[in-house]
């Protein structure tokens, strides 16, 4: 695996994890009230 490909893949994975975390936090805030 090339370094550029690995970097792009890890960056995309981190981005997906960040988006999922935001969705989870938003749902907790909405349903926690």
Foldseek 3Di string as FASTA:
>chain_A
DDPVVVVVVVVVVVVVVVVVVVVVVVVCVVVVD
